[in-house]
Amino acid sequence: MSSQYKVEKNSNEISQEGKVKLTDLLSRINEEKKIERNRNFVLGVAAFSAATVFGIILTL
């Protein structure tokens, strides 16, 4: 849902300005990539930690 809001918000900004700046679009893409990379890293660490804890519990 948050991505839908961002798209609507960005489309309103673009229509108000009348022009699309390539540098703005590229910076938004790079920012979204950084956020997605961080989310994936956190989810990976959480999954690894859960698997490790589960393995330790099984060995006891």
N, C-alpha and C. Protein backbone atom coordinates (compact mmCIF):
# COMPACT_ATOMS: atom_id res chain seq x y z
N MET A 1 0.81 -1.19 0.00
CA MET A 1 0.00 0.00 0.00
C MET A 1 0.85 1.25 0.00
N SER A 2 1.98 1.22 0.68
CA SER A 2 2.81 2.41 0.73
C SER A 2 3.36 2.76 -0.64
N SER A 3 3.64 1.74 -1.48
CA SER A 3 4.16 2.02 -2.81
C SER A 3 3.10 2.68 -3.68
N GLN A 4 1.82 2.32 -3.47
CA GLN A 4 0.75 2.96 -4.22
C GLN A 4 0.66 4.44 -3.85
N TYR A 5 0.81 4.73 -2.59
CA TYR A 5 0.76 6.12 -2.14
C TYR A 5 1.90 6.91 -2.76
N LYS A 6 3.09 6.31 -2.78
CA LYS A 6 4.24 7.00 -3.35
C LYS A 6 4.02 7.30 -4.82
N VAL A 7 3.46 6.34 -5.55
CA VAL A 7 3.23 6.55 -6.98
C VAL A 7 2.23 7.68 -7.18
N GLU A 8 1.15 7.68 -6.41
CA GLU A 8 0.16 8.74 -6.54
C GLU A 8 0.77 10.09 -6.17
N LYS A 9 1.55 10.12 -5.12
CA LYS A 9 2.17 11.36 -4.68
C LYS A 9 3.14 11.87 -5.73
N ASN A 10 3.96 10.97 -6.28
CA ASN A 10 4.93 11.37 -7.29
C ASN A 10 4.26 11.82 -8.57
N SER A 11 3.18 11.15 -8.97
CA SER A 11 2.49 11.55 -10.20
C SER A 11 1.88 12.94 -10.04
N ASN A 12 1.41 13.26 -8.84
CA ASN A 12 0.87 14.60 -8.61
C ASN A 12 1.97 15.65 -8.70
N GLU A 13 3.14 15.34 -8.15
CA GLU A 13 4.25 16.28 -8.21
C GLU A 13 4.68 16.50 -9.65
N ILE A 14 4.73 15.43 -10.43
CA ILE A 14 5.17 15.53 -11.82
C ILE A 14 4.16 16.34 -12.63
N SER A 15 2.88 16.09 -12.43
CA SER A 15 1.87 16.81 -13.21
C SER A 15 1.86 18.30 -12.84
N GLN A 16 2.18 18.63 -11.61
CA GLN A 16 2.20 20.03 -11.21
C GLN A 16 3.39 20.75 -11.84
N GLU A 17 4.54 20.09 -11.91
CA GLU A 17 5.72 20.72 -12.46
C GLU A 17 5.64 20.81 -13.98
N GLY A 18 5.08 19.81 -14.62
CA GLY A 18 4.98 19.83 -16.07
C GLY A 18 6.17 19.21 -16.77
N LYS A 19 7.28 19.05 -16.06
CA LYS A 19 8.47 18.46 -16.66
C LYS A 19 9.00 17.38 -15.72
N VAL A 20 9.65 16.40 -16.31
CA VAL A 20 10.26 15.33 -15.52
C VAL A 20 11.77 15.47 -15.66
N LYS A 21 12.42 15.56 -14.53
CA LYS A 21 13.88 15.67 -14.54
C LYS A 21 14.47 14.28 -14.39
N LEU A 22 15.35 13.94 -15.29
CA LEU A 22 15.96 12.62 -15.28
C LEU A 22 16.77 12.39 -14.01
N THR A 23 17.45 13.40 -13.54
CA THR A 23 18.26 13.25 -12.33
C THR A 23 17.39 12.96 -11.10
N ASP A 24 16.20 13.58 -11.06
CA ASP A 24 15.28 13.30 -9.95
C ASP A 24 14.80 11.86 -9.99
N LEU A 25 14.47 11.37 -11.19
CA LEU A 25 14.02 10.00 -11.31
C LEU A 25 15.12 9.01 -10.93
N LEU A 26 16.34 9.28 -11.38
CA LEU A 26 17.45 8.39 -11.06
C LEU A 26 17.75 8.39 -9.56
N SER A 27 17.66 9.55 -8.94
CA SER A 27 17.92 9.61 -7.49
C SER A 27 16.83 8.87 -6.72
N ARG A 28 15.59 8.95 -7.18
CA ARG A 28 14.51 8.20 -6.53
C ARG A 28 14.71 6.71 -6.68
N ILE A 29 15.13 6.28 -7.87
CA ILE A 29 15.38 4.86 -8.10
C ILE A 29 16.50 4.37 -7.19
N ASN A 30 17.58 5.13 -7.10
CA ASN A 30 18.71 4.74 -6.25
C ASN A 30 18.31 4.69 -4.79
N GLU A 31 17.49 5.63 -4.36
CA GLU A 31 17.02 5.65 -2.97
C GLU A 31 16.15 4.43 -2.67
N GLU A 32 15.27 4.09 -3.60
CA GLU A 32 14.43 2.91 -3.43
C GLU A 32 15.26 1.63 -3.40
N LYS A 33 16.31 1.56 -4.21
CA LYS A 33 17.19 0.39 -4.21
C LYS A 33 17.88 0.24 -2.86
N LYS A 34 18.34 1.34 -2.29
CA LYS A 34 19.00 1.30 -0.98
C LYS A 34 18.03 0.80 0.09
N ILE A 35 16.81 1.31 0.06
CA ILE A 35 15.82 0.90 1.04
C ILE A 35 15.52 -0.59 0.89
N GLU A 36 15.34 -1.03 -0.35
CA GLU A 36 15.04 -2.44 -0.60
C GLU A 36 16.20 -3.35 -0.18
N ARG A 37 17.43 -2.92 -0.43
CA ARG A 37 18.61 -3.69 -0.04
C ARG A 37 18.68 -3.83 1.47
N ASN A 38 18.39 -2.75 2.19
CA ASN A 38 18.40 -2.78 3.65
C ASN A 38 17.31 -3.71 4.19
N ARG A 39 16.13 -3.65 3.58
CA ARG A 39 15.04 -4.54 4.00
C ARG A 39 15.42 -6.00 3.79
N ASN A 40 15.99 -6.29 2.63
CA ASN A 40 16.38 -7.67 2.34
C ASN A 40 17.45 -8.16 3.30
N PHE A 41 18.39 -7.29 3.64
CA PHE A 41 19.44 -7.66 4.58
C PHE A 41 18.86 -7.96 5.96
N VAL A 42 17.96 -7.12 6.42
CA VAL A 42 17.34 -7.32 7.73
C VAL A 42 16.53 -8.61 7.75
N LEU A 43 15.77 -8.86 6.70
CA LEU A 43 14.99 -10.09 6.63
C LEU A 43 15.90 -11.32 6.59
N GLY A 44 17.01 -11.24 5.88
CA GLY A 44 17.95 -12.35 5.83
C GLY A 44 18.57 -12.63 7.18
N VAL A 45 18.97 -11.58 7.88
CA VAL A 45 19.55 -11.75 9.22
C VAL A 45 18.52 -12.34 10.18
N ALA A 46 17.28 -11.86 10.07
CA ALA A 46 16.22 -12.38 10.94
C ALA A 46 15.96 -13.86 10.66
N ALA A 47 15.94 -14.24 9.40
CA ALA A 47 15.71 -15.65 9.04
C ALA A 47 16.87 -16.52 9.52
N PHE A 48 18.09 -16.05 9.33
CA PHE A 48 19.26 -16.80 9.77
C PHE A 48 19.26 -16.95 11.29
N SER A 49 18.92 -15.89 12.00
CA SER A 49 18.88 -15.94 13.46
C SER A 49 17.80 -16.91 13.94
N ALA A 50 16.65 -16.87 13.30
CA ALA A 50 15.58 -17.78 13.69
C ALA A 50 15.97 -19.23 13.46
N ALA A 51 16.62 -19.50 12.33
CA ALA A 51 17.06 -20.86 12.02
C ALA A 51 18.12 -21.32 13.02
N THR A 52 19.03 -20.43 13.38
CA THR A 52 20.08 -20.76 14.34
C THR A 52 19.48 -21.06 15.71
N VAL A 53 18.58 -20.23 16.17
CA VAL A 53 17.95 -20.45 17.47
C VAL A 53 17.16 -21.76 17.46
N PHE A 54 16.44 -21.99 16.39
CA PHE A 54 15.68 -23.24 16.27
C PHE A 54 16.60 -24.45 16.29
N GLY A 55 17.74 -24.36 15.60
CA GLY A 55 18.71 -25.45 15.60
C GLY A 55 19.31 -25.69 16.98
N ILE A 56 19.61 -24.62 17.69
CA ILE A 56 20.15 -24.76 19.05
C ILE A 56 19.13 -25.42 19.97
N ILE A 57 17.89 -25.00 19.84
CA ILE A 57 16.84 -25.60 20.68
C ILE A 57 16.68 -27.08 20.37
N LEU A 58 16.78 -27.47 19.13
CA LEU A 58 16.64 -28.90 18.77
C LEU A 58 17.79 -29.73 19.29
N THR A 59 18.97 -29.14 19.40
CA THR A 59 20.12 -29.92 19.88
C THR A 59 20.11 -30.10 21.39
N LEU A 60 19.33 -29.33 22.10
CA LEU A 60 19.30 -29.46 23.56
C LEU A 60 18.47 -30.60 24.01
